[in-house]
Amino acid sequence: MRYEFDGLTDVGRVRANNEDSIRYDGAAGVAVLADGMGGYNAGEVAADMATSIILADLQQCARSPGEAAPPAREALQNAIARANLEIFQSAEREVTHAGMGTTVIAAWFRGPKLWLGHVGDSRCYRWRRHQLVQITRDHSLLQEQLDAGLISPEEAAVADYRNLVTRALGVGPEVEIDIAEHPVEAGDLYLLCSDGLTDMLTDMEIAQMFRAGAELSHLAHKLVAAANARGGRDNISVMLVRARAERPPQGLVAHLR
């Protein structure tokens, strides 16, 4: 399996600065997205720390010889945990960083598998055979109320508190991290995004853009532009990863011809 990566982050139409951060390394198969929170640019600091630490740790694991490399689940867990601790310690140490935190979603594509680690309400979607499915579960008050049947999806769409997260990096020295393994099929398209996208666009609207088809860069710009056209009330970040079947060896192609 081979993978194509692209991404875009935008300040939106309302916020003065961008507290989202995205990083990816196609060779290592890693994409990381974070949506920071906290005053005086502290959210921006937390998000940047999260993406840089997690990407660096997973890059190092990807370069390790087979026998020396830790299992994917353990490596992803450790990378996110280290980012959490460093953000927490920075918030404790620096007055201007007090109270900062960030959501994070990290995707690590290894052969025909995707390993996902996430904390907070940044999401990952999978587009497969013309169906869009959210494959992460938000760590938010809204999601808990939906799960408990206390509110309807229609009420959730207009709730004032839909951005209140129940987990975030940097809040404490330890954090609960969701780690999941997903099989990947050739033709899959994965979307990592901050809530600046999903607060502005419905899943159906995102699916319609995927259905129309486009190169990854063009699709990323379309998604961000659509969210901005709706008001762009928050920073908007998207990362796209497309899975392709491995090309057959050149010699085999020539022989088949």
Protein backbone atom coordinates (compact mmCIF):
# COMPACT_ATOMS: atom_id res chain seq x y z
CA MET A 1 0.00 0.00 0.00
CA ARG A 2 1.25 3.50 -0.78
CA TYR A 3 -0.14 6.75 0.56
CA GLU A 4 -0.57 10.31 -0.69
CA PHE A 5 -0.73 13.15 1.84
CA ASP A 6 -1.87 16.77 1.75
CA GLY A 7 -3.20 19.29 4.22
CA LEU A 8 -4.24 22.87 4.82
CA THR A 9 -4.82 25.06 7.86
CA ASP A 10 -6.58 28.43 7.84
CA VAL A 11 -7.30 31.09 10.47
CA GLY A 12 -10.96 31.36 9.43
CA ARG A 13 -13.05 34.53 9.28
CA VAL A 14 -13.35 35.44 12.98
CA ARG A 15 -10.25 34.50 14.98
CA ALA A 16 -7.22 36.78 15.11
CA ASN A 17 -4.67 33.94 15.10
CA ASN A 18 -4.49 30.29 14.17
CA GLU A 19 -4.27 27.91 17.15
CA ASP A 20 -4.44 24.80 14.96
CA SER A 21 -1.31 22.95 13.89
CA ILE A 22 -0.78 20.26 11.25
CA ARG A 23 2.30 18.23 10.36
CA TYR A 24 2.84 15.18 8.18
CA ASP A 25 5.60 13.03 6.73
CA GLY A 26 4.54 10.91 3.80
CA ALA A 27 7.70 8.77 3.90
CA ALA A 28 7.04 7.83 7.54
CA GLY A 29 3.28 7.50 6.94
CA VAL A 30 2.43 9.95 9.72
CA ALA A 31 -0.11 12.79 9.91
CA VAL A 32 -0.80 14.79 13.09
CA LEU A 33 -3.39 17.52 13.71
CA ALA A 34 -3.97 19.55 16.89
CA ASP A 35 -6.48 22.24 17.89
CA GLY A 36 -5.11 24.36 20.74
CA MET A 37 -6.87 26.20 23.52
CA GLY A 38 -5.78 28.81 26.05
CA GLY A 39 -5.26 32.56 26.24
CA TYR A 40 -2.39 34.74 25.01
CA ASN A 41 -1.43 32.45 22.13
CA ALA A 42 -0.94 29.56 24.57
CA GLY A 43 -3.24 27.33 22.52
CA GLU A 44 -1.03 27.90 19.52
CA VAL A 45 1.99 26.85 21.59
CA ALA A 46 0.29 23.69 22.87
CA ALA A 47 -0.87 22.62 19.41
CA ASP A 48 2.57 23.22 17.90
CA MET A 49 4.24 21.24 20.68
CA ALA A 50 1.82 18.34 20.21
CA THR A 51 2.30 17.97 16.47
CA SER A 52 6.08 18.45 16.55
CA ILE A 53 6.71 16.00 19.41
CA ILE A 54 4.41 13.27 18.10
CA LEU A 55 5.68 13.53 14.53
CA ALA A 56 9.32 13.42 15.65
CA ASP A 57 8.76 10.37 17.86
CA LEU A 58 6.92 8.43 15.17
CA GLN A 59 9.49 9.39 12.53
CA GLN A 60 12.16 7.92 14.75
CA CYS A 61 10.15 4.71 15.19
CA ALA A 62 9.56 4.48 11.44
CA ARG A 63 13.32 4.68 10.83
CA SER A 64 14.14 2.02 13.43
CA PRO A 65 15.20 -1.44 12.17
CA GLY A 66 12.37 -3.97 12.26
CA GLU A 67 13.47 -5.79 15.40
CA ALA A 68 14.26 -2.56 17.27
CA ALA A 69 11.01 -0.80 16.41
CA PRO A 70 8.37 -0.84 19.17
CA PRO A 71 4.86 -2.14 18.37
CA ALA A 72 2.75 0.54 16.65
CA ARG A 73 0.20 0.79 19.46
CA GLU A 74 2.90 1.27 22.08
CA ALA A 75 4.82 3.80 19.98
CA LEU A 76 1.71 5.89 19.31
CA GLN A 77 0.64 5.74 22.96
CA ASN A 78 4.10 6.80 24.14
CA ALA A 79 4.41 9.66 21.64
CA ILE A 80 1.07 11.20 22.62
CA ALA A 81 1.76 10.67 26.33
CA ARG A 82 5.12 12.42 26.01
CA ALA A 83 3.53 15.36 24.21
CA ASN A 84 0.92 15.61 26.96
CA LEU A 85 3.53 15.66 29.73
CA GLU A 86 5.71 18.26 28.00
CA ILE A 87 2.73 20.55 27.38
CA PHE A 88 1.62 20.17 31.01
CA GLN A 89 5.11 20.91 32.34
CA SER A 90 5.42 23.95 30.07
CA ALA A 91 2.06 25.25 31.33
CA GLU A 92 3.24 24.77 34.93
CA ARG A 93 6.59 26.45 34.25
CA GLU A 94 5.63 29.44 32.07
CA VAL A 95 3.12 32.03 33.30
CA THR A 96 2.02 32.86 29.76
CA HIS A 97 1.33 29.17 29.09
CA ALA A 98 -0.85 28.60 32.14
CA GLY A 99 -4.06 26.74 31.33
CA MET A 100 -3.04 25.82 27.80
CA GLY A 101 -4.09 22.56 26.22
CA THR A 102 -4.90 20.99 22.88
CA THR A 103 -6.82 18.26 21.17
CA VAL A 104 -4.81 15.92 18.99
CA ILE A 105 -5.35 13.26 16.39
CA ALA A 106 -2.42 11.25 15.05
CA ALA A 107 -2.64 8.84 12.12
CA TRP A 108 0.14 6.36 11.42
CA PHE A 109 -0.17 4.34 8.22
CA ARG A 110 1.92 1.15 8.31
CA GLY A 111 1.45 -1.18 5.36
CA PRO A 112 -2.24 -2.11 5.06
CA LYS A 113 -3.11 -0.74 8.52
CA LEU A 114 -3.95 2.61 10.05
CA TRP A 115 -3.17 3.26 13.69
CA LEU A 116 -5.11 6.19 15.15
CA GLY A 117 -4.52 7.94 18.45
CA HIS A 118 -6.70 10.80 19.59
CA VAL A 119 -7.66 13.00 22.51
CA GLY A 120 -10.46 15.57 22.29
CA ASP A 121 -12.89 16.35 19.49
CA SER A 122 -10.68 16.60 16.43
CA ARG A 123 -11.86 13.83 14.11
CA CYS A 124 -10.91 11.25 11.53
CA TYR A 125 -13.29 10.22 8.75
CA ARG A 126 -12.92 7.41 6.19
CA TRP A 127 -14.34 7.62 2.66
CA ARG A 128 -14.74 4.11 1.26
CA ARG A 129 -16.98 2.92 -1.55
CA HIS A 130 -18.85 6.23 -1.62
CA GLN A 131 -19.61 6.19 2.10
CA LEU A 132 -18.26 8.62 4.68
CA VAL A 133 -17.83 7.23 8.21
CA GLN A 134 -16.48 8.98 11.30
CA ILE A 135 -14.03 6.49 12.80
CA THR A 136 -13.19 8.46 15.95
CA ARG A 137 -15.51 9.28 18.83
CA ASP A 138 -15.44 12.82 20.22
CA HIS A 139 -14.29 13.29 23.80
CA SER A 140 -16.83 16.01 24.50
CA LEU A 141 -19.73 16.82 26.80
CA LEU A 142 -22.00 16.86 23.77
CA GLN A 143 -21.00 13.32 22.76
CA GLU A 144 -21.59 12.05 26.28
CA GLN A 145 -25.08 13.53 26.28
CA LEU A 146 -25.81 12.04 22.87
CA ASP A 147 -24.62 8.62 24.04
CA ALA A 148 -26.82 8.88 27.12
CA GLY A 149 -29.85 9.85 25.03
CA LEU A 150 -30.21 13.17 26.85
CA ILE A 151 -30.30 15.19 23.63
CA SER A 152 -31.13 14.46 19.98
CA PRO A 153 -28.73 14.88 17.04
CA GLU A 154 -30.85 17.86 15.95
CA GLU A 155 -30.43 19.51 19.36
CA ALA A 156 -26.71 18.70 19.34
CA ALA A 157 -26.24 20.55 16.04
CA VAL A 158 -27.26 23.87 17.63
CA ALA A 159 -26.04 23.38 21.22
CA ASP A 160 -24.04 26.28 22.64
CA TYR A 161 -21.62 23.95 24.43
CA ARG A 162 -20.71 21.66 21.55
CA ASN A 163 -17.02 22.66 21.78
CA LEU A 164 -16.56 21.67 25.45
CA VAL A 165 -14.09 18.78 25.45
CA THR A 166 -13.80 16.23 28.25
CA ARG A 167 -10.18 15.32 27.43
CA ALA A 168 -7.24 17.40 26.21
CA LEU A 169 -3.46 17.26 26.20
CA GLY A 170 -1.76 19.41 28.83
CA VAL A 171 -4.52 19.45 31.43
CA GLY A 172 -2.74 16.99 33.72
CA PRO A 173 0.49 14.95 33.82
CA GLU A 174 -1.40 11.93 32.43
CA VAL A 175 -4.20 11.65 29.92
CA GLU A 176 -6.45 8.87 28.64
CA ILE A 177 -5.69 8.21 24.98
CA ASP A 178 -7.87 6.30 22.54
CA ILE A 179 -5.78 4.06 20.27
CA ALA A 180 -7.43 2.09 17.47
CA GLU A 181 -6.29 -0.10 14.58
CA HIS A 182 -8.13 0.00 11.23
CA PRO A 183 -7.57 -2.11 8.08
CA VAL A 184 -6.91 0.01 5.01
CA GLU A 185 -8.17 -0.75 1.50
CA ALA A 186 -6.82 0.63 -1.76
CA GLY A 187 -8.96 3.60 -2.74
CA ASP A 188 -9.67 4.70 0.84
CA LEU A 189 -9.54 8.43 1.56
CA TYR A 190 -9.01 9.62 5.12
CA LEU A 191 -9.81 13.07 6.51
CA LEU A 192 -8.35 14.42 9.73
CA CYS A 193 -9.94 17.71 10.78
CA SER A 194 -10.47 20.20 13.57
CA ASP A 195 -13.94 21.22 14.69
CA GLY A 196 -13.58 24.42 12.71
CA LEU A 197 -14.57 22.29 9.72
CA THR A 198 -17.25 20.07 11.25
CA ASP A 199 -18.98 22.92 13.10
CA MET A 200 -19.53 24.62 9.74
CA LEU A 201 -20.24 21.64 7.45
CA THR A 202 -22.39 18.55 7.93
CA ASP A 203 -21.08 15.06 7.23
CA MET A 204 -23.40 14.94 4.21
CA GLU A 205 -21.86 18.09 2.76
CA ILE A 206 -18.35 16.75 3.27
CA ALA A 207 -19.39 13.49 1.58
CA GLN A 208 -20.73 15.40 -1.42
CA MET A 209 -17.32 17.04 -1.92
CA PHE A 210 -15.60 13.66 -1.71
CA ARG A 211 -18.07 12.19 -4.16
CA ALA A 212 -17.22 14.88 -6.72
CA GLY A 213 -13.58 13.75 -6.65
CA ALA A 214 -10.48 15.92 -6.84
CA GLU A 215 -6.76 15.95 -6.24
CA LEU A 216 -6.00 16.12 -2.53
CA SER A 217 -4.74 19.71 -2.58
CA HIS A 218 -7.82 20.91 -4.46
CA LEU A 219 -10.14 19.01 -2.14
CA ALA A 220 -8.44 20.47 0.96
CA HIS A 221 -8.93 23.99 -0.41
CA LYS A 222 -12.59 23.24 -1.26
CA LEU A 223 -13.30 22.04 2.27
CA VAL A 224 -11.69 25.09 3.89
CA ALA A 225 -13.37 27.49 1.48
CA ALA A 226 -16.78 25.94 2.19
CA ALA A 227 -16.29 26.27 5.95
CA ASN A 228 -15.25 29.90 5.52
CA ALA A 229 -18.25 30.57 3.31
CA ARG A 230 -20.46 29.42 6.20
CA GLY A 231 -18.85 31.95 8.53
CA GLY A 232 -15.47 30.45 9.44
CA ARG A 233 -16.10 30.95 13.15
CA ASP A 234 -12.99 29.01 14.16
CA ASN A 235 -9.64 28.00 12.75
CA ILE A 236 -10.07 25.33 10.06
CA SER A 237 -7.60 22.49 9.51
CA VAL A 238 -7.83 19.47 7.24
CA MET A 239 -5.42 16.69 6.38
CA LEU A 240 -6.14 14.17 3.63
CA VAL A 241 -4.55 10.78 3.04
CA ARG A 242 -5.37 8.58 0.06
CA ALA A 243 -4.44 4.89 -0.08
CA ARG A 244 -3.26 3.44 -3.39
CA ALA A 245 -2.44 -0.11 -4.39
CA GLU A 246 1.26 -0.75 -4.79
CA ARG A 247 2.44 -0.46 -8.36
CA PRO A 248 3.49 -3.83 -9.83
CA PRO A 249 7.23 -4.19 -10.52
CA GLN A 250 8.25 -2.58 -13.82
CA GLY A 251 9.54 -5.86 -15.19
CA LEU A 252 6.19 -7.53 -14.56
CA VAL A 253 4.36 -4.73 -16.35
CA ALA A 254 6.59 -5.12 -19.38
CA HIS A 255 6.09 -8.89 -19.39
CA LEU A 256 2.31 -8.54 -19.20
CA ARG A 257 2.34 -6.25 -22.20
